[in-house]
């Protein structure tokens, strides 16, 4: 399940600026990063 902020973060990463992902414990921050990295990896190395 992709979160609503997923596309916002991917768009922000295009600007090559530092992006902080802050939030409470166990809210899916690491899962979100893994999803974004998997997506970037698949789109880069196809």
PDB file of N, CA and C in Angstrom:
ATOM      1  N   UNK A   1       0.847  -1.184   0.000  1.00  0.00           N
ATOM      2  CA  UNK A   1       0.000   0.000   0.000  1.00  0.00           C
ATOM      3  C   UNK A   1       0.888   1.241   0.000  1.00  0.00           C
ATOM      4  N   UNK A   2       0.754   2.059  -1.007  1.00  0.00           N
ATOM      5  CA  UNK A   2       1.544   3.275  -1.078  1.00  0.00           C
ATOM      6  C   UNK A   2       0.829   4.385  -0.336  1.00  0.00           C
ATOM      7  N   UNK A   3       1.596   5.155   0.405  1.00  0.00           N
ATOM      8  CA  UNK A   3       1.024   6.242   1.188  1.00  0.00           C
ATOM      9  C   UNK A   3       0.799   7.476   0.326  1.00  0.00           C
ATOM     10  N   UNK A   4      -0.053   8.368   0.776  1.00  0.00           N
ATOM     11  CA  UNK A   4      -0.388   9.558  -0.006  1.00  0.00           C
ATOM     12  C   UNK A   4       0.823  10.460  -0.212  1.00  0.00           C
ATOM     13  N   UNK A   5       1.810  10.392   0.653  1.00  0.00           N
ATOM     14  CA  UNK A   5       2.987  11.255   0.546  1.00  0.00           C
ATOM     15  C   UNK A   5       4.041  10.665  -0.392  1.00  0.00           C
ATOM     16  N   UNK A   6       3.844   9.430  -0.819  1.00  0.00           N
ATOM     17  CA  UNK A   6       4.796   8.735  -1.683  1.00  0.00           C
ATOM     18  C   UNK A   6       5.143   9.559  -2.919  1.00  0.00           C
ATOM     19  N   UNK A   7       4.160   9.996  -3.651  1.00  0.00           N
ATOM     20  CA  UNK A   7       4.419  10.756  -4.881  1.00  0.00           C
ATOM     21  C   UNK A   7       5.042  12.121  -4.585  1.00  0.00           C
ATOM     22  N   UNK A   8       4.674  12.727  -3.466  1.00  0.00           N
ATOM     23  CA  UNK A   8       5.279  14.014  -3.088  1.00  0.00           C
ATOM     24  C   UNK A   8       6.770  13.856  -2.827  1.00  0.00           C
ATOM     25  N   UNK A   9       7.140  12.804  -2.138  1.00  0.00           N
ATOM     26  CA  UNK A   9       8.551  12.572  -1.841  1.00  0.00           C
ATOM     27  C   UNK A   9       9.322  12.278  -3.125  1.00  0.00           C
ATOM     28  N   UNK A  10       8.772  11.433  -3.990  1.00  0.00           N
ATOM     29  CA  UNK A  10       9.457  11.125  -5.252  1.00  0.00           C
ATOM     30  C   UNK A  10       9.648  12.385  -6.084  1.00  0.00           C
ATOM     31  N   UNK A  11       8.660  13.245  -6.108  1.00  0.00           N
ATOM     32  CA  UNK A  11       8.772  14.505  -6.865  1.00  0.00           C
ATOM     33  C   UNK A  11       9.847  15.399  -6.244  1.00  0.00           C
ATOM     34  N   UNK A  12       9.896  15.464  -4.931  1.00  0.00           N
ATOM     35  CA  UNK A  12      10.880  16.300  -4.243  1.00  0.00           C
ATOM     36  C   UNK A  12      12.300  15.793  -4.501  1.00  0.00           C
ATOM     37  N   UNK A  13      12.473  14.487  -4.622  1.00  0.00           N
ATOM     38  CA  UNK A  13      13.805  13.924  -4.847  1.00  0.00           C
ATOM     39  C   UNK A  13      14.388  14.343  -6.195  1.00  0.00           C
ATOM     40  N   UNK A  14      13.558  14.737  -7.132  1.00  0.00           N
ATOM     41  CA  UNK A  14      14.043  15.203  -8.433  1.00  0.00           C
ATOM     42  C   UNK A  14      14.826  16.506  -8.317  1.00  0.00           C
ATOM     43  N   UNK A  15      14.599  17.257  -7.246  1.00  0.00           N
ATOM     44  CA  UNK A  15      15.265  18.543  -7.071  1.00  0.00           C
ATOM     45  C   UNK A  15      16.648  18.403  -6.445  1.00  0.00           C
ATOM     46  N   UNK A  16      17.044  17.178  -6.105  1.00  0.00           N
ATOM     47  CA  UNK A  16      18.364  16.884  -5.544  1.00  0.00           C
ATOM     48  C   UNK A  16      18.678  17.734  -4.319  1.00  0.00           C
ATOM     49  N   UNK A  17      17.711  17.834  -3.452  1.00  0.00           N
ATOM     50  CA  UNK A  17      17.888  18.521  -2.181  1.00  0.00           C
ATOM     51  C   UNK A  17      17.735  17.491  -1.067  1.00  0.00           C
ATOM     52  N   UNK A  18      18.205  17.842   0.090  1.00  0.00           N
ATOM     53  CA  UNK A  18      18.059  16.958   1.241  1.00  0.00           C
ATOM     54  C   UNK A  18      16.583  16.845   1.610  1.00  0.00           C
ATOM     55  N   UNK A  19      16.157  15.637   1.847  1.00  0.00           N
ATOM     56  CA  UNK A  19      14.776  15.379   2.231  1.00  0.00           C
ATOM     57  C   UNK A  19      14.768  14.667   3.574  1.00  0.00           C
ATOM     58  N   UNK A  20      14.077  15.223   4.534  1.00  0.00           N
ATOM     59  CA  UNK A  20      13.950  14.595   5.841  1.00  0.00           C
ATOM     60  C   UNK A  20      12.593  13.929   5.951  1.00  0.00           C
ATOM     61  N   UNK A  21      12.591  12.760   6.499  1.00  0.00           N
ATOM     62  CA  UNK A  21      11.347  12.033   6.736  1.00  0.00           C
ATOM     63  C   UNK A  21      11.234  11.827   8.242  1.00  0.00           C
ATOM     64  N   UNK A  22      10.396  12.619   8.844  1.00  0.00           N
ATOM     65  CA  UNK A  22      10.244  12.600  10.300  1.00  0.00           C
ATOM     66  C   UNK A  22       8.869  12.061  10.676  1.00  0.00           C
ATOM     67  N   UNK A  23       8.808  11.418  11.813  1.00  0.00           N
ATOM     68  CA  UNK A  23       7.522  10.933  12.294  1.00  0.00           C
ATOM     69  C   UNK A  23       7.692  10.092  13.538  1.00  0.00           C
ATOM     70  N   UNK A  24       6.596   9.748  14.117  1.00  0.00           N
ATOM     71  CA  UNK A  24       6.591   8.924  15.319  1.00  0.00           C
ATOM     72  C   UNK A  24       7.122   7.526  15.007  1.00  0.00           C
ATOM     73  N   UNK A  25       7.442   6.802  16.048  1.00  0.00           N
ATOM     74  CA  UNK A  25       7.929   5.437  15.881  1.00  0.00           C
ATOM     75  C   UNK A  25       6.852   4.553  15.255  1.00  0.00           C
ATOM     76  N   UNK A  26       7.320   3.624  14.438  1.00  0.00           N
ATOM     77  CA  UNK A  26       6.470   2.590  13.841  1.00  0.00           C
ATOM     78  C   UNK A  26       5.297   3.152  13.038  1.00  0.00           C
ATOM     79  N   UNK A  27       5.595   4.191  12.240  1.00  0.00           N
ATOM     80  CA  UNK A  27       4.543   4.751  11.387  1.00  0.00           C
ATOM     81  C   UNK A  27       4.792   4.456   9.911  1.00  0.00           C
ATOM     82  N   UNK A  28       5.851   3.680   9.610  1.00  0.00           N
ATOM     83  CA  UNK A  28       6.092   3.269   8.229  1.00  0.00           C
ATOM     84  C   UNK A  28       7.137   4.076   7.489  1.00  0.00           C
ATOM     85  N   UNK A  29       7.967   4.828   8.192  1.00  0.00           N
ATOM     86  CA  UNK A  29       8.994   5.639   7.528  1.00  0.00           C
ATOM     87  C   UNK A  29       9.969   4.763   6.744  1.00  0.00           C
ATOM     88  N   UNK A  30      10.468   3.727   7.388  1.00  0.00           N
ATOM     89  CA  UNK A  30      11.426   2.838   6.730  1.00  0.00           C
ATOM     90  C   UNK A  30      10.769   2.089   5.581  1.00  0.00           C
ATOM     91  N   UNK A  31       9.556   1.646   5.757  1.00  0.00           N
ATOM     92  CA  UNK A  31       8.829   0.963   4.689  1.00  0.00           C
ATOM     93  C   UNK A  31       8.658   1.884   3.492  1.00  0.00           C
ATOM     94  N   UNK A  32       8.333   3.131   3.735  1.00  0.00           N
ATOM     95  CA  UNK A  32       8.170   4.111   2.663  1.00  0.00           C
ATOM     96  C   UNK A  32       9.477   4.294   1.904  1.00  0.00           C
ATOM     97  N   UNK A  33      10.583   4.418   2.618  1.00  0.00           N
ATOM     98  CA  UNK A  33      11.886   4.576   1.974  1.00  0.00           C
ATOM     99  C   UNK A  33      12.226   3.343   1.147  1.00  0.00           C
ATOM    100  N   UNK A  34      11.938   2.161   1.675  1.00  0.00           N
ATOM    101  CA  UNK A  34      12.190   0.928   0.918  1.00  0.00           C
ATOM    102  C   UNK A  34      11.354   0.893  -0.358  1.00  0.00           C
ATOM    103  N   UNK A  35      10.110   1.320  -0.299  1.00  0.00           N
ATOM    104  CA  UNK A  35       9.257   1.346  -1.484  1.00  0.00           C
ATOM    105  C   UNK A  35       9.816   2.307  -2.530  1.00  0.00           C
ATOM    106  N   UNK A  36      10.256   3.472  -2.098  1.00  0.00           N
ATOM    107  CA  UNK A  36      10.801   4.459  -3.024  1.00  0.00           C
ATOM    108  C   UNK A  36      12.101   3.945  -3.648  1.00  0.00           C
ATOM    109  N   UNK A  37      12.981   3.369  -2.823  1.00  0.00           N
ATOM    110  CA  UNK A  37      14.233   2.823  -3.339  1.00  0.00           C
ATOM    111  C   UNK A  37      13.979   1.681  -4.319  1.00  0.00           C
ATOM    112  N   UNK A  38      13.046   0.800  -4.020  1.00  0.00           N
ATOM    113  CA  UNK A  38      12.710  -0.290  -4.935  1.00  0.00           C
ATOM    114  C   UNK A  38      12.200   0.260  -6.262  1.00  0.00           C
ATOM    115  N   UNK A  39      11.347   1.265  -6.202  1.00  0.00           N
ATOM    116  CA  UNK A  39      10.803   1.878  -7.410  1.00  0.00           C
ATOM    117  C   UNK A  39      11.909   2.539  -8.229  1.00  0.00           C
ATOM    118  N   UNK A  40      12.780   3.287  -7.568  1.00  0.00           N
ATOM    119  CA  UNK A  40      13.894   3.929  -8.277  1.00  0.00           C
ATOM    120  C   UNK A  40      14.824   2.896  -8.893  1.00  0.00           C
ATOM    121  N   UNK A  41      15.108   1.825  -8.175  1.00  0.00           N
ATOM    122  CA  UNK A  41      15.968   0.770  -8.673  1.00  0.00           C
ATOM    123  C   UNK A  41      15.356   0.109  -9.910  1.00  0.00           C
ATOM    124  N   UNK A  42      14.086  -0.190  -9.854  1.00  0.00           N
ATOM    125  CA  UNK A  42      13.412  -0.840 -10.993  1.00  0.00           C
ATOM    126  C   UNK A  42      13.380   0.072 -12.203  1.00  0.00           C
ATOM    127  N   UNK A  43      13.171   1.357 -12.008  1.00  0.00           N
ATOM    128  CA  UNK A  43      13.104   2.295 -13.126  1.00  0.00           C
ATOM    129  C   UNK A  43      14.477   2.651 -13.678  1.00  0.00           C
ATOM    130  N   UNK A  44      15.518   2.477 -12.881  1.00  0.00           N
ATOM    131  CA  UNK A  44      16.869   2.822 -13.322  1.00  0.00           C
ATOM    132  C   UNK A  44      17.529   1.666 -14.056  1.00  0.00           C
ATOM    133  N   UNK A  45      17.314   0.451 -13.597  1.00  0.00           N
ATOM    134  CA  UNK A  45      18.037  -0.699 -14.125  1.00  0.00           C
ATOM    135  C   UNK A  45      17.161  -1.639 -14.947  1.00  0.00           C
ATOM    136  N   UNK A  46      16.195  -1.121 -15.660  1.00  0.00           N
ATOM    137  CA  UNK A  46      15.348  -1.950 -16.513  1.00  0.00           C
ATOM    138  C   UNK A  46      16.060  -2.261 -17.801  1.00  0.00           C
TER     139      UNK A  46
END
